[in-house]
Amino acid sequence: MNDHLRTKAELIEELESLRESEALFHGFITSNPVAIDIYRLEEDNRLIFVQRNLAADRMTGINMNSLKGMSIEEVYPNLVGTDIPDMFRAIACGELESQNYENYYKDDRFEGYYELAVFRISENTIGIETRDITERKQAEQALVTQQYYLAKAQELGGIGTWELDIQKDELIWTEQNYI
């Protein structure tokens, strides 16, 4: 009888440990500053939206929990005709490893540049971490534009620039200096 009580006590302890672990995981997901979406691949090959954290709602301005049960193509209609949903399905069923990529997305609700990490959580279930990189992409484009105008101004003015790398003891000249 003591063995039975001990086993019951051990089960209660294991159950409490499991509840604590689940609460920590749930807290990690819901309070994470990175947007996280979860999708499940159904038997009919539809990738169904399961849930997301608050960061994802803030990033898009949409309470996506109202979209639970919808396919990824219904949630993000402008993904129709792209390879992205099929890539997600391949990850969900284990045919493809985790993927990291950047993507521009626009529909009538929101738009921007996003960095995504798509990974398999469990059989037929994926997680998608999304970071909004719109500001970074805009800054990169502004830098490219400014470099173009600087090169054009140097060409038209017949001048160049140079830079001394002290650590490498190297002098770097722009092409205009050689003309």
Foldseek 3Di string as FASTA:
>chain_A
DVVVVVVVVVVVVVVVVVVVVVVVVVCCFQVPLWKKWKWFQDPVRFTFTAAIHVNNCVVQVHRCVVRGGPGPCVVQVVCPPPCVSVVLQCQQQVNDAWDWDWDWGDDPRDTAIKIWIWHHPDRRMIMITIDGCRVVVVVVVVVVVVVVVVVVVCVVVLHWDWDQDVVVRDIGIDPSVVD
